[in-house]
């Protein structure tokens, strides 16, 4: 790695290993209401100091998995899942928390991460972006602060790449073009913001109207705190919860290098942050949609590169302008053999790419899934619980599966095919309890 002497990396002190976790929430972190015989140890209150021992977590499914199982069509899988209704919930690495628990909590916030942990997720995600002073923070994109935080309602809005234009009467005139980036502000300024449900009304004529846009199948009931975390704070929290971690390096929205801060600086800084925190490479699944990021980790940080995850989707896997077809290898940007030859061991496509149907409502592994397994690639997939009710097919995350997906209970059939027939190693979910319930019932660790 070549690091510019005036790079942003030089502005931060990444080498400190003791991470000060700030005032995160009222009340202790011990969870109650479930079986106490969990394999966790003592509790430290992070309001007072960084947790140094694993927190005791009493896991709970809540009501949603039972609602989904009740809604399934009659059959052996429904009977099997119903028979597990009295099981004791436990943590499972098969259940990966996608941005925390954003079906009901603002993404990448303390409350959302805690909700995910309580639902039995074994792996916690932080999408990683950088601030203008070279700090790494948890945001799904470098340029989503206007939809995922309250920045447009603060004085920091004036620093946005495209600031909201509000006249003296409070009328907003550019709702469709507002853009606020993590690189517009410092870490401390980022930490002063409050997370909210990811949404914006681009037709709004006031700031309040712009922010009040949460989808009707989500909720604002748990948005009162919305505490944002840096990557260092995320790492400390996940360690205290005994969870593995999957940071995703987000594609910069700014031209790189940025004030001397290069892509290689960014790639390396992510890994260095985990090293400084004393996290084993075996517990980290660094991921990216940019295959060059994954190759960098493989070549420069082989211990972390062994678990690096190549995120793929329909757009970046299209070849020569042809329309992607999960069952036609000639339309794929990279063959599975090419991916494996680069030293990549794990891929993560969206779930619909891994599953097809027989035309009569039966879900089956796609050719994409078969080729991945044939070439020795492990598979994880994303993301469940990111759609509204499934009565109309569920939208993009269930593309091409309309004849098999027509009620909420079909989500459990979907999970079953991914787990048993495709053989995925884990599933990202916006509500981890759904996957945790299935995994616990099936004995998936």
Protein backbone atom coordinates (compact mmCIF):
# COMPACT_ATOMS: atom_id res chain seq x y z
CA UNK A 1 0.00 0.00 0.00
CA UNK A 2 1.25 3.47 -0.87
CA UNK A 3 0.08 6.16 1.56
CA UNK A 4 0.29 9.84 0.66
CA UNK A 5 1.98 11.95 3.31
CA UNK A 6 -0.95 14.36 3.29
CA UNK A 7 -3.64 11.70 3.18
CA UNK A 8 -6.65 11.82 5.44
CA UNK A 9 -5.36 8.67 7.08
CA UNK A 10 -2.62 10.76 8.65
CA UNK A 11 -5.23 13.00 10.30
CA UNK A 12 -6.62 10.27 12.49
CA UNK A 13 -5.10 8.18 15.26
CA UNK A 14 -6.09 4.69 14.19
CA UNK A 15 -3.48 2.95 16.30
CA UNK A 16 -5.27 3.41 19.60
CA UNK A 17 -6.62 0.11 20.80
CA UNK A 18 -8.71 1.32 23.73
CA UNK A 19 -11.98 2.46 22.17
CA UNK A 20 -14.19 4.82 24.17
CA UNK A 21 -17.82 3.84 23.61
CA UNK A 22 -20.01 6.89 24.32
CA UNK A 23 -23.30 7.17 26.13
CA UNK A 24 -25.25 4.72 24.03
CA UNK A 25 -28.60 4.26 25.68
CA UNK A 26 -30.51 4.56 28.87
CA UNK A 27 -30.61 1.41 30.98
CA UNK A 28 -28.31 -1.58 31.12
CA UNK A 29 -27.61 -3.90 28.25
CA UNK A 30 -28.70 -7.08 30.01
CA UNK A 31 -31.67 -8.51 28.17
CA UNK A 32 -34.46 -10.25 30.02
CA UNK A 33 -37.51 -12.32 29.27
CA UNK A 34 -35.92 -15.49 27.85
CA UNK A 35 -34.12 -18.55 29.14
CA UNK A 36 -31.15 -17.54 31.27
CA UNK A 37 -28.99 -20.56 30.35
CA UNK A 38 -27.21 -18.84 27.50
CA UNK A 39 -23.52 -19.27 26.85
CA UNK A 40 -22.58 -15.69 27.67
CA UNK A 41 -20.69 -14.18 30.57
CA UNK A 42 -20.96 -10.95 32.52
CA UNK A 43 -22.30 -7.54 31.67
CA UNK A 44 -20.47 -4.25 31.45
CA UNK A 45 -22.49 -1.08 31.06
CA UNK A 46 -21.06 0.78 28.03
CA UNK A 47 -22.45 4.02 29.43
CA UNK A 48 -19.55 3.88 31.85
CA UNK A 49 -16.75 2.34 29.83
CA UNK A 50 -15.95 0.17 26.87
CA UNK A 51 -17.28 -3.36 27.52
CA UNK A 52 -14.36 -5.66 28.26
CA UNK A 53 -16.33 -8.88 28.73
CA UNK A 54 -19.10 -10.43 26.74
CA UNK A 55 -22.54 -9.16 27.60
CA UNK A 56 -25.18 -11.59 28.79
CA UNK A 57 -27.86 -11.76 26.10
CA UNK A 58 -31.21 -13.42 26.58
CA UNK A 59 -32.39 -14.06 23.06
CA UNK A 60 -35.97 -13.57 21.90
CA UNK A 61 -37.80 -14.11 18.62
CA UNK A 62 -40.74 -11.81 19.28
CA UNK A 63 -43.95 -12.57 17.39
CA UNK A 64 -42.97 -12.17 13.73
CA UNK A 65 -41.48 -15.63 13.03
CA UNK A 66 -44.61 -17.24 14.46
CA UNK A 67 -46.80 -15.02 12.29
CA UNK A 68 -44.83 -16.12 9.22
CA UNK A 69 -45.03 -19.81 10.10
CA UNK A 70 -48.77 -19.52 10.81
CA UNK A 71 -49.20 -17.93 7.37
CA UNK A 72 -47.45 -20.79 5.53
CA UNK A 73 -49.40 -23.13 3.31
CA UNK A 74 -49.99 -26.51 4.92
CA UNK A 75 -47.16 -28.98 4.48
CA UNK A 76 -44.24 -30.80 6.12
CA UNK A 77 -42.06 -27.68 6.48
CA UNK A 78 -44.82 -25.80 8.26
CA UNK A 79 -45.35 -28.75 10.59
CA UNK A 80 -41.63 -28.93 11.33
CA UNK A 81 -41.35 -25.21 12.05
CA UNK A 82 -44.48 -25.24 14.22
CA UNK A 83 -42.98 -28.07 16.24
CA UNK A 84 -40.11 -25.72 17.17
CA UNK A 85 -42.36 -23.08 18.68
CA UNK A 86 -41.18 -23.85 22.22
CA UNK A 87 -37.47 -23.96 21.40
CA UNK A 88 -35.05 -21.77 23.34
CA UNK A 89 -33.70 -19.06 21.03
CA UNK A 90 -29.94 -18.97 20.54
CA UNK A 91 -27.36 -17.07 18.54
CA UNK A 92 -26.50 -18.41 15.08
CA UNK A 93 -24.01 -17.25 12.46
CA UNK A 94 -26.53 -18.30 9.80
CA UNK A 95 -28.48 -15.17 10.77
CA UNK A 96 -26.68 -12.02 9.59
CA UNK A 97 -27.98 -8.64 10.70
CA UNK A 98 -28.35 -6.46 7.60
CA UNK A 99 -27.59 -2.90 8.79
CA UNK A 100 -28.92 -3.90 12.23
CA UNK A 101 -32.69 -4.40 12.23
CA UNK A 102 -33.98 -1.75 9.80
CA UNK A 103 -37.42 -3.26 9.32
CA UNK A 104 -38.32 -1.31 12.47
CA UNK A 105 -35.18 0.53 13.69
CA UNK A 106 -33.09 3.18 11.90
CA UNK A 107 -30.27 1.40 10.14
CA UNK A 108 -26.75 1.32 11.54
CA UNK A 109 -27.83 2.70 14.91
CA UNK A 110 -27.15 1.43 18.40
CA UNK A 111 -30.79 0.46 19.00
CA UNK A 112 -30.93 -1.42 15.71
CA UNK A 113 -27.72 -3.31 16.44
CA UNK A 114 -28.98 -4.27 19.89
CA UNK A 115 -32.28 -5.45 18.44
CA UNK A 116 -30.38 -7.65 15.98
CA UNK A 117 -28.27 -9.15 18.76
CA UNK A 118 -31.36 -9.89 20.83
CA UNK A 119 -32.89 -11.71 17.87
CA UNK A 120 -29.99 -14.16 17.69
CA UNK A 121 -27.97 -12.76 14.80
CA UNK A 122 -24.43 -14.07 14.98
CA UNK A 123 -22.90 -11.58 12.54
CA UNK A 124 -23.34 -7.80 12.56
CA UNK A 125 -22.87 -5.55 9.53
CA UNK A 126 -21.38 -2.08 9.33
CA UNK A 127 -21.43 -0.47 5.90
CA UNK A 128 -18.29 1.67 5.95
CA UNK A 129 -17.92 5.23 4.64
CA UNK A 130 -15.41 7.97 5.48
CA UNK A 131 -15.75 11.49 6.87
CA UNK A 132 -13.83 14.56 5.74
CA UNK A 133 -11.31 14.06 8.56
CA UNK A 134 -10.54 10.47 7.61
CA UNK A 135 -12.70 8.61 10.14
CA UNK A 136 -14.67 5.49 9.22
CA UNK A 137 -18.35 5.46 10.13
CA UNK A 138 -21.32 3.14 9.64
CA UNK A 139 -23.57 4.32 6.80
CA UNK A 140 -25.07 2.35 3.94
CA UNK A 141 -23.69 4.84 1.42
CA UNK A 142 -21.33 7.76 1.56
CA UNK A 143 -24.12 9.95 0.17
CA UNK A 144 -27.23 8.91 2.11
CA UNK A 145 -27.17 11.21 5.14
CA UNK A 146 -30.12 13.19 3.76
CA UNK A 147 -32.34 10.09 3.86
CA UNK A 148 -30.95 8.18 6.85
CA UNK A 149 -30.31 11.00 9.35
CA UNK A 150 -31.78 14.31 10.46
CA UNK A 151 -29.02 16.36 8.80
CA UNK A 152 -31.40 18.40 6.62
CA UNK A 153 -33.07 19.71 9.78
CA UNK A 154 -29.75 20.84 11.33
CA UNK A 155 -27.25 23.59 10.62
CA UNK A 156 -24.98 20.95 9.08
CA UNK A 157 -27.32 20.95 6.08
CA UNK A 158 -25.36 23.97 4.84
CA UNK A 159 -22.32 21.71 4.39
CA UNK A 160 -24.12 19.20 2.17
CA UNK A 161 -22.92 18.60 -1.38
CA UNK A 162 -26.36 19.77 -2.49
CA UNK A 163 -27.88 21.65 0.43
CA UNK A 164 -31.63 22.02 0.88
CA UNK A 165 -32.88 25.34 -0.51
CA UNK A 166 -35.40 26.82 1.92
CA UNK A 167 -36.77 30.35 1.61
CA UNK A 168 -37.69 32.68 4.46
CA UNK A 169 -41.19 31.21 4.56
CA UNK A 170 -39.87 27.68 5.06
CA UNK A 171 -40.59 26.53 1.52
CA UNK A 172 -38.26 23.82 0.20
CA UNK A 173 -37.60 24.07 -3.53
CA UNK A 174 -35.08 21.31 -4.34
CA UNK A 175 -36.26 18.18 -2.54
CA UNK A 176 -35.39 15.92 -5.47
CA UNK A 177 -31.73 16.97 -5.64
CA UNK A 178 -30.59 17.19 -1.99
CA UNK A 179 -27.43 15.17 -1.33
CA UNK A 180 -25.50 14.97 1.92
CA UNK A 181 -22.33 12.91 2.22
CA UNK A 182 -20.28 11.65 5.13
CA UNK A 183 -17.30 13.29 3.40
CA UNK A 184 -19.05 16.66 3.74
CA UNK A 185 -18.61 16.63 7.52
CA UNK A 186 -16.23 15.57 10.29
CA UNK A 187 -16.58 12.57 12.58
CA UNK A 188 -17.71 14.75 15.47
CA UNK A 189 -20.31 16.41 13.27
CA UNK A 190 -21.48 12.99 12.09
CA UNK A 191 -21.83 11.87 15.70
CA UNK A 192 -24.04 14.87 16.45
CA UNK A 193 -26.67 13.62 13.99
CA UNK A 194 -29.58 11.32 14.73
CA UNK A 195 -30.43 8.33 12.57
CA UNK A 196 -33.92 7.92 11.13
CA UNK A 197 -35.70 5.41 8.94
CA UNK A 198 -34.25 5.52 5.43
CA UNK A 199 -36.72 7.55 3.38
CA UNK A 200 -37.33 10.96 1.81
CA UNK A 201 -40.25 12.59 0.04
CA UNK A 202 -38.63 14.07 -3.05
CA UNK A 203 -41.83 15.96 -3.88
CA UNK A 204 -41.97 17.71 -0.49
CA UNK A 205 -42.14 21.48 -0.14
CA UNK A 206 -40.99 21.62 3.49
CA UNK A 207 -38.16 20.00 5.45
CA UNK A 208 -40.66 18.26 7.72
CA UNK A 209 -42.48 16.84 4.72
CA UNK A 210 -39.18 15.73 3.18
CA UNK A 211 -38.24 13.76 6.28
CA UNK A 212 -41.68 12.29 6.97
CA UNK A 213 -41.65 9.54 4.36
CA UNK A 214 -41.27 6.18 6.12
CA UNK A 215 -42.85 3.30 4.20
CA UNK A 216 -46.20 2.24 5.69
CA UNK A 217 -44.97 -1.30 6.32
CA UNK A 218 -42.12 0.02 8.46
CA UNK A 219 -42.51 2.19 11.56
CA UNK A 220 -41.18 5.29 13.29
CA UNK A 221 -42.01 3.88 16.70
CA UNK A 222 -38.35 3.16 17.53
CA UNK A 223 -36.69 6.21 15.99
CA UNK A 224 -36.48 8.37 19.11
CA UNK A 225 -32.78 7.74 19.85
CA UNK A 226 -31.12 6.97 16.53
CA UNK A 227 -27.55 7.00 17.83
CA UNK A 228 -24.99 6.73 15.04
CA UNK A 229 -21.75 4.75 15.41
CA UNK A 230 -18.26 4.97 14.05
CA UNK A 231 -16.66 1.76 12.84
CA UNK A 232 -14.56 1.65 16.01
CA UNK A 233 -17.68 1.89 18.18
CA UNK A 234 -19.40 -0.76 16.09
CA UNK A 235 -16.45 -3.09 16.57
CA UNK A 236 -16.41 -2.55 20.33
CA UNK A 237 -20.15 -3.19 20.57
CA UNK A 238 -20.04 -6.34 18.44
CA UNK A 239 -17.11 -7.68 20.45
CA UNK A 240 -18.98 -7.10 23.71
CA UNK A 241 -21.96 -9.00 22.27
CA UNK A 242 -19.79 -11.92 21.15
CA UNK A 243 -20.76 -11.37 17.51
CA UNK A 244 -18.72 -11.77 14.34
CA UNK A 245 -18.57 -8.79 12.00
CA UNK A 246 -19.04 -8.07 8.31
CA UNK A 247 -17.92 -4.57 7.28
CA UNK A 248 -18.77 -3.50 3.75
CA UNK A 249 -16.47 -1.02 2.05
CA UNK A 250 -18.81 1.37 0.25
CA UNK A 251 -17.93 2.83 -3.13
CA UNK A 252 -16.87 6.46 -2.63
CA UNK A 253 -19.23 9.13 -3.95
CA UNK A 254 -16.28 11.51 -4.31
CA UNK A 255 -13.45 11.34 -6.80
CA UNK A 256 -10.48 9.43 -5.42
CA UNK A 257 -7.94 10.23 -4.20
CA UNK A 258 -9.80 12.59 -1.87
CA UNK A 259 -7.43 15.18 -0.39
CA UNK A 260 -4.63 12.67 -0.89
CA UNK A 261 -6.64 9.77 0.53
CA UNK A 262 -6.51 6.91 -1.97
CA UNK A 263 -8.64 3.84 -2.50
CA UNK A 264 -5.80 1.72 -1.15
CA UNK A 265 -5.66 3.92 1.95
CA UNK A 266 -9.39 3.32 2.40
CA UNK A 267 -9.12 -0.43 1.87
CA UNK A 268 -6.23 -0.73 4.27
CA UNK A 269 -7.73 1.54 6.91
CA UNK A 270 -10.74 -0.75 7.24
CA UNK A 271 -8.52 -3.74 7.99
CA UNK A 272 -6.20 -1.72 10.24
CA UNK A 273 -9.18 -0.67 12.36
CA UNK A 274 -9.97 -4.32 13.10
CA UNK A 275 -6.33 -5.07 13.83
CA UNK A 276 -6.08 -2.13 16.23
CA UNK A 277 -9.17 -3.41 18.06
CA UNK A 278 -7.65 -6.88 18.42
CA UNK A 279 -10.33 -8.65 16.37
CA UNK A 280 -9.31 -12.01 14.90
CA UNK A 281 -9.39 -12.19 11.11
CA UNK A 282 -11.47 -15.36 11.51
CA UNK A 283 -14.29 -13.23 12.95
CA UNK A 284 -14.32 -10.64 10.15
CA UNK A 285 -15.98 -10.97 6.75
CA UNK A 286 -14.90 -7.85 4.87
CA UNK A 287 -17.14 -7.38 1.86
CA UNK A 288 -17.49 -5.22 -1.24
CA UNK A 289 -19.34 -5.01 -4.56
CA UNK A 290 -16.04 -3.86 -6.05
CA UNK A 291 -14.04 -6.98 -6.89
CA UNK A 292 -10.83 -4.92 -6.80
CA UNK A 293 -11.41 -4.24 -3.09
CA UNK A 294 -11.65 -7.97 -2.42
CA UNK A 295 -8.54 -8.66 -4.48
CA UNK A 296 -6.65 -5.99 -2.50
CA UNK A 297 -7.45 -7.75 0.78
CA UNK A 298 -6.51 -11.14 -0.64
CA UNK A 299 -3.18 -9.85 -1.89
CA UNK A 300 -2.25 -7.50 0.97
CA UNK A 301 -4.05 -8.92 4.02
CA UNK A 302 -4.34 -12.66 3.32
CA UNK A 303 -5.64 -13.55 6.79
CA UNK A 304 -8.59 -11.20 6.25
CA UNK A 305 -8.71 -11.92 2.53
CA UNK A 306 -9.50 -15.58 3.17
CA UNK A 307 -12.92 -14.55 4.49
CA UNK A 308 -13.46 -11.59 2.16
CA UNK A 309 -16.85 -11.58 0.48
CA UNK A 310 -17.50 -10.55 -3.11
CA UNK A 311 -20.95 -9.00 -3.24
CA UNK A 312 -22.56 -9.46 -6.64
CA UNK A 313 -25.83 -8.30 -8.15
CA UNK A 314 -27.63 -8.32 -11.47
CA UNK A 315 -26.18 -5.01 -12.67
CA UNK A 316 -22.47 -5.62 -12.05
CA UNK A 317 -22.72 -9.17 -13.32
CA UNK A 318 -24.04 -8.24 -16.77
CA UNK A 319 -21.74 -9.11 -19.68
CA UNK A 320 -21.24 -7.06 -22.84
CA UNK A 321 -24.51 -5.18 -22.51
CA UNK A 322 -26.60 -8.35 -22.53
CA UNK A 323 -29.44 -8.74 -20.06
CA UNK A 324 -28.43 -10.78 -17.04
CA UNK A 325 -30.01 -14.21 -16.79
CA UNK A 326 -29.24 -16.30 -13.71
CA UNK A 327 -29.68 -19.49 -15.74
CA UNK A 328 -27.53 -18.42 -18.73
CA UNK A 329 -23.79 -18.44 -18.00
CA UNK A 330 -23.02 -16.40 -21.14
CA UNK A 331 -24.69 -13.32 -19.60
CA UNK A 332 -22.54 -13.26 -16.47
CA UNK A 333 -19.76 -10.71 -16.18
CA UNK A 334 -17.52 -13.18 -14.34
CA UNK A 335 -17.72 -16.95 -14.53
CA UNK A 336 -17.55 -18.79 -11.25
CA UNK A 337 -14.23 -20.30 -12.31
CA UNK A 338 -12.82 -16.78 -12.87
CA UNK A 339 -14.02 -15.63 -9.45
CA UNK A 340 -12.48 -18.66 -7.76
CA UNK A 341 -9.22 -18.20 -9.66
CA UNK A 342 -8.84 -14.74 -8.11
CA UNK A 343 -8.61 -16.39 -4.70
CA UNK A 344 -12.13 -15.45 -3.66
CA UNK A 345 -13.78 -18.02 -1.41
CA UNK A 346 -17.17 -16.42 -0.66
CA UNK A 347 -19.71 -14.72 -2.89
CA UNK A 348 -22.90 -12.97 -1.86
CA UNK A 349 -25.55 -12.50 -4.55
CA UNK A 350 -29.10 -11.30 -3.87
CA UNK A 351 -31.36 -14.21 -3.00
CA UNK A 352 -33.44 -14.14 -6.17
CA UNK A 353 -30.34 -14.83 -8.29
CA UNK A 354 -29.83 -18.11 -6.43
CA UNK A 355 -33.39 -19.41 -6.84
CA UNK A 356 -35.67 -20.13 -9.77
CA UNK A 357 -39.00 -21.91 -10.14
CA UNK A 358 -40.32 -24.84 -12.16
CA UNK A 359 -43.17 -22.67 -13.43
CA UNK A 360 -45.64 -24.35 -11.12
CA UNK A 361 -44.76 -22.67 -7.84
CA UNK A 362 -41.86 -24.90 -6.79
CA UNK A 363 -38.63 -23.13 -5.82
CA UNK A 364 -35.37 -24.61 -7.10
CA UNK A 365 -31.67 -23.67 -7.15
CA UNK A 366 -30.71 -21.57 -10.17
CA UNK A 367 -27.84 -22.34 -12.53
CA UNK A 368 -25.99 -19.47 -10.87
CA UNK A 369 -26.21 -21.26 -7.53
CA UNK A 370 -25.24 -24.61 -9.03
CA UNK A 371 -22.17 -23.15 -10.76
CA UNK A 372 -21.04 -21.42 -7.57
CA UNK A 373 -21.17 -24.65 -5.60
CA UNK A 374 -19.54 -26.63 -8.42
CA UNK A 375 -16.58 -24.25 -8.32
CA UNK A 376 -16.14 -24.55 -4.56
CA UNK A 377 -17.48 -21.12 -3.63
CA UNK A 378 -19.29 -20.58 -0.35
CA UNK A 379 -22.44 -18.48 -0.62
CA UNK A 380 -24.16 -16.01 1.64
CA UNK A 381 -27.13 -13.99 0.42
CA UNK A 382 -29.11 -10.79 0.91
CA UNK A 383 -31.60 -9.55 2.05
CA UNK A 384 -34.79 -10.82 3.62
CA UNK A 385 -37.40 -8.58 5.26
CA UNK A 386 -36.61 -5.63 2.97
CA UNK A 387 -39.98 -5.77 1.24
CA UNK A 388 -43.52 -5.07 2.26
CA UNK A 389 -46.18 -7.80 2.38
CA UNK A 390 -45.47 -10.59 -0.11
CA UNK A 391 -49.04 -10.97 -1.42
CA UNK A 392 -48.04 -9.25 -4.67
CA UNK A 393 -44.75 -11.10 -5.05
CA UNK A 394 -42.45 -9.04 -2.85
CA UNK A 395 -40.79 -6.81 -5.44
CA UNK A 396 -37.11 -6.77 -6.48
CA UNK A 397 -35.84 -9.16 -3.81
CA UNK A 398 -38.09 -11.89 -5.24
CA UNK A 399 -37.61 -11.09 -8.93
CA UNK A 400 -38.98 -13.79 -11.24
CA UNK A 401 -40.50 -15.83 -8.41
CA UNK A 402 -44.09 -14.56 -8.58
CA UNK A 403 -45.59 -18.00 -9.11
CA UNK A 404 -44.03 -19.22 -5.85
CA UNK A 405 -44.21 -16.09 -3.65
CA UNK A 406 -47.75 -14.92 -2.93
CA UNK A 407 -48.11 -14.69 0.86
CA UNK A 408 -45.89 -13.74 3.80
CA UNK A 409 -45.49 -17.35 4.90
CA UNK A 410 -43.69 -18.14 1.64
CA UNK A 411 -40.65 -16.39 3.13
CA UNK A 412 -40.03 -19.53 5.18
CA UNK A 413 -40.15 -21.68 2.04
CA UNK A 414 -37.67 -19.28 0.45
CA UNK A 415 -35.30 -19.60 3.40
CA UNK A 416 -35.61 -23.38 3.31
CA UNK A 417 -34.64 -23.63 -0.36
CA UNK A 418 -31.71 -21.26 0.16
CA UNK A 419 -30.51 -23.26 3.17
CA UNK A 420 -31.19 -26.84 2.12
CA UNK A 421 -31.06 -26.85 -1.69
CA UNK A 422 -28.75 -23.95 -2.55
CA UNK A 423 -26.66 -24.50 0.60
CA UNK A 424 -26.01 -20.89 1.61
CA UNK A 425 -23.88 -20.37 4.71
CA UNK A 426 -25.84 -17.38 5.95
CA UNK A 427 -28.67 -14.99 5.13
CA UNK A 428 -28.76 -11.23 5.65
CA UNK A 429 -32.06 -10.02 7.05
CA UNK A 430 -33.57 -6.70 8.09
CA UNK A 431 -35.32 -8.60 10.89
CA UNK A 432 -32.89 -11.31 12.03
CA UNK A 433 -35.40 -13.19 14.20
CA UNK A 434 -36.97 -14.64 11.06
CA UNK A 435 -33.75 -16.34 9.97
CA UNK A 436 -32.70 -17.15 13.54
CA UNK A 437 -35.94 -19.04 14.19
CA UNK A 438 -35.47 -21.17 11.07
CA UNK A 439 -31.78 -21.77 11.76
CA UNK A 440 -32.38 -22.75 15.39
CA UNK A 441 -35.17 -25.11 14.36
CA UNK A 442 -32.93 -26.77 11.77
CA UNK A 443 -29.87 -26.86 14.03
CA UNK A 444 -27.82 -24.51 11.85
CA UNK A 445 -24.95 -22.97 13.78
